[in-house]
Every structure is written in C-alpha cells, then in structure tokens.
Amino acid sequence: MTAARRGRSWGTGVLAAFGRFLAGILAVVAISMSEDVQLVTEQYYDDELRYQERIQATERANGMAKRVSMELRPGAVLVRFPRLGSPEDVNGRVTLYRPANRAEDRTLPLVLDTLWMQNIATRSLAPGLWRVQVQWHLHGEEYYTEQPLILP
C-alpha cells in the first residue's frame, strides 16, 4: 500500500509529530509557571555571605569533647547540652526548620534548665521532616549544630 492510497504523505506525519511535541512543551511550560516556588530564605544572598561563619561554628561544635544531642520523645524534642559551666552562660536560639513549608518554621530562644536541657513541645507541629538547628554563644564563641528529625 503506497502513501498516496492511504490519504496522507510522510510530510503530514512529520508535521503532526512536531505539533504534538510543541503542545507537550507548552504544557510543561504552563505547569511550571503555575507552580508555587518558595525560596528557602528571603535574604539568601546575605545568608550565603555568612555561610563561612556557619562552617566555623559547626567545626567548633563538632570539636567539643561532648556534643549537643537531640532526642525525639513522645510530644517533644529534648535538646541536651554537655555541662559547660553555668547554663546562664549559654545563650542562643533553636530553630525548627521545615523544608517543605517555610511558613511552619519556628524559632525559639535557647533556655537551658539546671540539667542543661531544653524540652520543646512538638504537638502543634505537622508530621514529617524537620531540621532542629541549634545556634549558641559561649565565652565569646559561636557554635552551631543541626539534626534532622521525622515527626510521626
């Protein structure tokens, strides 16, 4: 059977294939344009400039004889510090960072009890991946550590 008998030539097939390809590309562009894209942080440029300081703070925290630990308990995250003098000498913050939704991030002041611990309630937090980021100052030095936690 020849192309003339079927009623269409090879050029029509090529044109139809090109049309489907173009329609597919336009569909992908339309879907991509309608997707909500959130930046991890609004001031990403300033944060990038401070990144080296974060690396040094992480190295100081990792170089400690005993490290800060984080433990997931029912309804809470327990942040435990090694004894470094007096709890009043330590100041900083704990950030509960939610990679899936920036609007759910929480930042709390670091307030250690006499046992060098801070208990953070998680009942109001959505289940899923969270990064517990602890940044603190002690004796004029900055320290930083973080740990991923999956809330059930």
Protein backbone atom coordinates (compact mmCIF):
# COMPACT_ATOMS: atom_id res chain seq x y z
CA MET A 1 0.00 0.00 0.00
CA THR A 2 1.51 3.35 -1.00
CA ALA A 3 1.33 6.64 0.84
CA ALA A 4 -0.96 8.11 -1.79
CA ARG A 5 -3.55 5.36 -1.27
CA ARG A 6 -3.67 5.88 2.49
CA GLY A 7 -4.50 9.52 2.03
CA ARG A 8 -1.55 11.11 3.78
CA SER A 9 2.07 11.70 2.97
CA TRP A 10 5.15 11.39 5.21
CA GLY A 11 5.27 15.20 5.48
CA THR A 12 1.88 15.23 7.21
CA GLY A 13 3.18 12.71 9.78
CA VAL A 14 6.26 14.81 10.49
CA LEU A 15 4.13 17.92 10.89
CA ALA A 16 1.73 16.08 13.24
CA ALA A 17 4.66 14.80 15.36
CA PHE A 18 6.13 18.31 15.55
CA GLY A 19 2.73 19.69 16.59
CA ARG A 20 2.42 17.12 19.41
CA PHE A 21 5.96 17.92 20.57
CA LEU A 22 5.21 21.66 20.62
CA ALA A 23 1.94 21.09 22.52
CA GLY A 24 3.83 19.00 25.10
CA ILE A 25 6.48 21.68 25.59
CA LEU A 26 3.81 24.36 26.02
CA ALA A 27 2.00 22.17 28.57
CA VAL A 28 5.22 21.73 30.61
CA VAL A 29 5.88 25.49 30.50
CA ALA A 30 2.31 26.25 31.62
CA ILE A 31 2.53 23.79 34.53
CA SER A 32 5.94 25.12 35.57
CA MET A 33 4.74 28.72 35.52
CA SER A 34 1.75 27.92 37.76
CA GLU A 35 3.87 26.06 40.37
CA ASP A 36 4.44 27.94 43.65
CA VAL A 37 8.19 28.16 44.22
CA GLN A 38 9.38 29.27 47.65
CA LEU A 39 12.89 30.40 48.41
CA VAL A 40 14.43 28.71 51.42
CA THR A 41 15.06 32.15 52.83
CA GLU A 42 14.18 35.64 51.66
CA GLN A 43 17.68 37.01 52.24
CA TYR A 44 19.54 34.17 50.53
CA TYR A 45 22.39 36.42 49.38
CA ASP A 46 23.16 37.67 52.89
CA ASP A 47 22.89 34.12 54.22
CA GLU A 48 25.39 32.92 51.63
CA LEU A 49 27.90 35.54 52.78
CA ARG A 50 27.54 34.29 56.38
CA TYR A 51 27.96 30.66 55.35
CA GLN A 52 31.68 30.54 56.22
CA GLU A 53 30.88 31.69 59.74
CA ARG A 54 28.35 28.84 59.98
CA ILE A 55 31.02 26.34 58.86
CA GLN A 56 33.40 27.56 61.56
CA ALA A 57 30.66 27.43 64.23
CA THR A 58 29.83 23.85 63.16
CA GLU A 59 33.51 22.86 63.36
CA ARG A 60 33.71 24.31 66.90
CA ALA A 61 30.58 22.37 67.94
CA ASN A 62 31.91 19.15 66.39
CA GLY A 63 35.26 19.67 68.14
CA MET A 64 33.70 19.67 71.61
CA ALA A 65 34.56 16.70 73.84
CA LYS A 66 30.83 16.06 74.32
CA ARG A 67 28.35 17.22 71.71
CA VAL A 68 24.85 18.61 71.89
CA SER A 69 22.33 15.82 71.39
CA MET A 70 18.72 15.89 70.28
CA GLU A 71 16.22 13.20 71.11
CA LEU A 72 12.68 12.76 69.84
CA ARG A 73 10.29 11.86 72.64
CA PRO A 74 6.51 11.50 72.55
CA GLY A 75 5.21 15.05 72.10
CA ALA A 76 8.59 16.73 72.47
CA VAL A 77 12.16 17.14 71.28
CA LEU A 78 14.76 17.09 74.03
CA VAL A 79 17.90 19.17 73.36
CA ARG A 80 20.67 18.13 75.75
CA PHE A 81 23.88 20.13 76.24
CA PRO A 82 27.08 18.92 77.88
CA ARG A 83 27.91 20.71 81.12
CA LEU A 84 29.97 23.74 80.11
CA GLY A 85 29.95 25.83 83.26
CA SER A 86 26.67 27.53 84.08
CA PRO A 87 23.50 27.31 81.92
CA GLU A 88 23.16 31.09 82.21
CA ASP A 89 26.46 31.48 80.28
CA VAL A 90 24.88 29.91 77.19
CA ASN A 91 22.58 31.99 75.01
CA GLY A 92 21.24 31.35 71.55
CA ARG A 93 18.27 30.00 69.66
CA VAL A 94 16.66 26.81 68.47
CA THR A 95 15.11 26.84 65.01
CA LEU A 96 12.65 24.19 63.93
CA TYR A 97 13.13 24.37 60.17
CA ARG A 98 10.51 22.77 57.92
CA PRO A 99 11.96 22.21 54.42
CA ALA A 100 8.51 21.50 52.96
CA ASN A 101 6.91 24.78 54.06
CA ARG A 102 8.73 27.90 55.24
CA ALA A 103 5.57 29.22 56.89
CA GLU A 104 5.78 26.43 59.51
CA ASP A 105 9.31 27.33 60.71
CA ARG A 106 9.63 28.16 64.40
CA THR A 107 12.45 29.99 66.21
CA LEU A 108 12.69 29.74 69.99
CA PRO A 109 15.16 31.20 72.47
CA LEU A 110 17.62 28.70 73.91
CA VAL A 111 16.71 28.37 77.60
CA LEU A 112 18.54 25.57 79.39
CA ASP A 113 17.33 24.21 82.73
CA THR A 114 19.67 23.22 85.56
CA LEU A 115 20.19 19.81 83.91
CA TRP A 116 21.45 21.52 80.72
CA MET A 117 18.36 20.53 78.74
CA GLN A 118 15.58 22.21 76.84
CA ASN A 119 12.30 20.44 76.17
CA ILE A 120 10.48 21.64 73.03
CA ALA A 121 6.83 20.63 72.57
CA THR A 122 6.02 19.18 69.15
CA ARG A 123 2.26 18.63 69.43
CA SER A 124 1.49 21.70 67.32
CA LEU A 125 3.99 20.75 64.59
CA ALA A 126 2.99 18.96 61.38
CA PRO A 127 4.26 15.43 60.89
CA GLY A 128 7.18 14.91 58.53
CA LEU A 129 10.77 16.08 58.15
CA TRP A 130 12.07 18.87 60.39
CA ARG A 131 15.61 20.10 60.95
CA VAL A 132 16.38 21.14 64.52
CA GLN A 133 19.05 23.85 64.25
CA VAL A 134 20.76 24.99 67.45
CA GLN A 135 22.95 28.09 67.40
CA TRP A 136 24.53 29.31 70.63
CA HIS A 137 27.24 31.55 72.06
CA LEU A 138 29.53 30.60 74.91
CA HIS A 139 32.53 32.61 76.14
CA GLY A 140 32.51 34.82 73.03
CA GLU A 141 32.49 31.91 70.56
CA GLU A 142 29.62 30.93 68.28
CA TYR A 143 28.58 27.27 67.91
CA TYR A 144 26.10 25.58 65.58
CA THR A 145 24.67 22.11 65.13
CA GLU A 146 21.65 20.67 63.42
CA GLN A 147 19.92 17.33 63.21
CA PRO A 148 17.07 16.10 61.03
CA LEU A 149 14.05 14.64 62.83
CA ILE A 150 10.98 12.99 61.41
CA LEU A 151 7.86 13.67 63.43
CA PRO A 152 5.23 10.94 63.26
